[in-house]
Amino acid sequence: MTSVWETDTEHIPIVKARAMLSRLPELLSEENRAVALTRRGKPVLALMPWELFRSIVDTLEIMGDPELMASLRRGIRDLQEGNLVSLDQVKNDLGIED
């Protein structure tokens, strides 16, 4: 099965990436994207801006936390069912004045 990552990701041979190394941060951060570095035509490394990497790690941490995922699912269900609380009610409950 071919993933979106494999079909939509630019592939750059390691030899070419070595020659472009000092320019890669700017090229990748412009579009906040990753590239696959290849050896003999096969992807062996993923290269991406640090912020993209951090967001992926953060997402994996959230998805790996059963309590947080249950809370997220409850929030989505509440939103879908219209079980909402107004900002004014939240401020009132917390004793916050405008």
C-alpha atoms as a PDB file:
ATOM      1  CA  MET A   1       0.000   0.000   0.000  1.00  0.00           C
ATOM      2  CA  THR A   2       1.393   3.399  -1.005  1.00  0.00           C
ATOM      3  CA  SER A   3       0.928   6.223   1.484  1.00  0.00           C
ATOM      4  CA  VAL A   4       0.350   9.906   0.799  1.00  0.00           C
ATOM      5  CA  TRP A   5       3.826  10.499   2.233  1.00  0.00           C
ATOM      6  CA  GLU A   6       5.395   8.323  -0.461  1.00  0.00           C
ATOM      7  CA  THR A   7       3.476   9.825  -3.378  1.00  0.00           C
ATOM      8  CA  ASP A   8       3.430  13.520  -2.397  1.00  0.00           C
ATOM      9  CA  THR A   9       6.925  13.840  -0.967  1.00  0.00           C
ATOM     10  CA  GLU A  10       9.861  15.057  -2.979  1.00  0.00           C
ATOM     11  CA  HIS A  11      12.730  12.587  -3.048  1.00  0.00           C
ATOM     12  CA  ILE A  12      16.307  13.887  -3.054  1.00  0.00           C
ATOM     13  CA  PRO A  13      19.364  11.643  -3.375  1.00  0.00           C
ATOM     14  CA  ILE A  14      21.687  11.961  -0.377  1.00  0.00           C
ATOM     15  CA  VAL A  15      24.545  13.023  -2.661  1.00  0.00           C
ATOM     16  CA  LYS A  16      22.469  15.923  -4.016  1.00  0.00           C
ATOM     17  CA  ALA A  17      21.220  16.842  -0.506  1.00  0.00           C
ATOM     18  CA  ARG A  18      24.816  17.029   0.716  1.00  0.00           C
ATOM     19  CA  ALA A  19      25.572  19.642  -1.938  1.00  0.00           C
ATOM     20  CA  MET A  20      22.395  21.607  -1.023  1.00  0.00           C
ATOM     21  CA  LEU A  21      22.660  21.216   2.761  1.00  0.00           C
ATOM     22  CA  SER A  22      23.128  24.882   3.612  1.00  0.00           C
ATOM     23  CA  ARG A  23      20.066  25.837   1.504  1.00  0.00           C
ATOM     24  CA  LEU A  24      17.698  23.083   2.646  1.00  0.00           C
ATOM     25  CA  PRO A  25      16.396  24.820   5.815  1.00  0.00           C
ATOM     26  CA  GLU A  26      15.123  27.774   3.804  1.00  0.00           C
ATOM     27  CA  LEU A  27      13.711  25.592   1.022  1.00  0.00           C
ATOM     28  CA  LEU A  28      11.810  23.343   3.426  1.00  0.00           C
ATOM     29  CA  SER A  29      10.564  26.027   5.793  1.00  0.00           C
ATOM     30  CA  GLU A  30       9.107  28.117   2.953  1.00  0.00           C
ATOM     31  CA  GLU A  31       6.365  25.541   2.488  1.00  0.00           C
ATOM     32  CA  ASN A  32       6.681  23.799   5.879  1.00  0.00           C
ATOM     33  CA  ARG A  33       7.250  20.479   4.168  1.00  0.00           C
ATOM     34  CA  ALA A  34       9.452  17.432   4.410  1.00  0.00           C
ATOM     35  CA  VAL A  35      11.548  15.642   1.820  1.00  0.00           C
ATOM     36  CA  ALA A  36      12.731  12.062   1.638  1.00  0.00           C
ATOM     37  CA  LEU A  37      16.463  11.589   1.287  1.00  0.00           C
ATOM     38  CA  THR A  38      17.205   8.550  -0.826  1.00  0.00           C
ATOM     39  CA  ARG A  39      20.030   6.083  -1.271  1.00  0.00           C
ATOM     40  CA  ARG A  40      19.970   4.068  -4.478  1.00  0.00           C
ATOM     41  CA  GLY A  41      16.438   5.368  -5.119  1.00  0.00           C
ATOM     42  CA  LYS A  42      14.985   4.180  -1.799  1.00  0.00           C
ATOM     43  CA  PRO A  43      13.904   6.618   0.956  1.00  0.00           C
ATOM     44  CA  VAL A  44      16.213   6.283   3.976  1.00  0.00           C
ATOM     45  CA  LEU A  45      15.727   9.561   5.884  1.00  0.00           C
ATOM     46  CA  ALA A  46      13.083  12.240   6.280  1.00  0.00           C
ATOM     47  CA  LEU A  47      14.249  15.839   6.439  1.00  0.00           C
ATOM     48  CA  MET A  48      11.843  18.508   7.714  1.00  0.00           C
ATOM     49  CA  PRO A  49      11.784  21.853   9.500  1.00  0.00           C
ATOM     50  CA  TRP A  50      12.139  21.589  13.277  1.00  0.00           C
ATOM     51  CA  GLU A  51       8.678  23.062  13.923  1.00  0.00           C
ATOM     52  CA  LEU A  52       7.047  20.433  11.716  1.00  0.00           C
ATOM     53  CA  PHE A  53       8.951  17.700  13.569  1.00  0.00           C
ATOM     54  CA  ARG A  54       7.863  19.133  16.955  1.00  0.00           C
ATOM     55  CA  SER A  55       4.215  19.287  15.857  1.00  0.00           C
ATOM     56  CA  ILE A  56       4.357  15.632  14.765  1.00  0.00           C
ATOM     57  CA  VAL A  57       5.924  14.575  18.081  1.00  0.00           C
ATOM     58  CA  ASP A  58       3.363  16.612  20.048  1.00  0.00           C
ATOM     59  CA  THR A  59       0.523  15.008  18.071  1.00  0.00           C
ATOM     60  CA  LEU A  60       1.895  11.528  18.737  1.00  0.00           C
ATOM     61  CA  GLU A  61       2.166  12.294  22.458  1.00  0.00           C
ATOM     62  CA  ILE A  62      -1.452  13.461  22.569  1.00  0.00           C
ATOM     63  CA  MET A  63      -2.663  10.448  20.604  1.00  0.00           C
ATOM     64  CA  GLY A  64      -0.715   8.133  22.921  1.00  0.00           C
ATOM     65  CA  ASP A  65      -2.404   9.521  26.052  1.00  0.00           C
ATOM     66  CA  PRO A  66      -5.679   7.603  26.590  1.00  0.00           C
ATOM     67  CA  GLU A  67      -7.101  10.156  29.054  1.00  0.00           C
ATOM     68  CA  LEU A  68      -6.356  13.094  26.789  1.00  0.00           C
ATOM     69  CA  MET A  69      -7.838  11.307  23.769  1.00  0.00           C
ATOM     70  CA  ALA A  70     -10.987  10.448  25.760  1.00  0.00           C
ATOM     71  CA  SER A  71     -11.298  14.112  26.755  1.00  0.00           C
ATOM     72  CA  LEU A  72     -10.820  15.197  23.149  1.00  0.00           C
ATOM     73  CA  ARG A  73     -13.493  12.742  21.969  1.00  0.00           C
ATOM     74  CA  ARG A  74     -15.903  14.015  24.654  1.00  0.00           C
ATOM     75  CA  GLY A  75     -15.262  17.599  23.544  1.00  0.00           C
ATOM     76  CA  ILE A  76     -15.887  16.745  19.898  1.00  0.00           C
ATOM     77  CA  ARG A  77     -19.078  14.880  20.824  1.00  0.00           C
ATOM     78  CA  ASP A  78     -20.264  17.828  22.954  1.00  0.00           C
ATOM     79  CA  LEU A  79     -19.594  20.196  20.054  1.00  0.00           C
ATOM     80  CA  GLN A  80     -21.488  17.979  17.616  1.00  0.00           C
ATOM     81  CA  GLU A  81     -24.425  17.660  20.027  1.00  0.00           C
ATOM     82  CA  GLY A  82     -24.505  21.388  20.735  1.00  0.00           C
ATOM     83  CA  ASN A  83     -23.568  21.003  24.407  1.00  0.00           C
ATOM     84  CA  LEU A  84     -21.769  24.316  24.570  1.00  0.00           C
ATOM     85  CA  VAL A  85     -21.148  26.946  27.234  1.00  0.00           C
ATOM     86  CA  SER A  86     -20.948  30.599  26.278  1.00  0.00           C
ATOM     87  CA  LEU A  87     -17.839  32.649  26.942  1.00  0.00           C
ATOM     88  CA  ASP A  88     -19.885  34.902  29.228  1.00  0.00           C
ATOM     89  CA  GLN A  89     -20.952  31.868  31.290  1.00  0.00           C
ATOM     90  CA  VAL A  90     -17.357  30.641  31.575  1.00  0.00           C
ATOM     91  CA  LYS A  91     -16.189  34.086  32.686  1.00  0.00           C
ATOM     92  CA  ASN A  92     -19.024  34.258  35.191  1.00  0.00           C
ATOM     93  CA  ASP A  93     -18.219  30.769  36.545  1.00  0.00           C
ATOM     94  CA  LEU A  94     -14.551  31.739  36.931  1.00  0.00           C
ATOM     95  CA  GLY A  95     -15.329  35.138  38.410  1.00  0.00           C
ATOM     96  CA  ILE A  96     -13.685  37.008  35.542  1.00  0.00           C
ATOM     97  CA  GLU A  97     -14.952  40.490  34.752  1.00  0.00           C
ATOM     98  CA  ASP A  98     -14.575  42.237  31.389  1.00  0.00           C
END
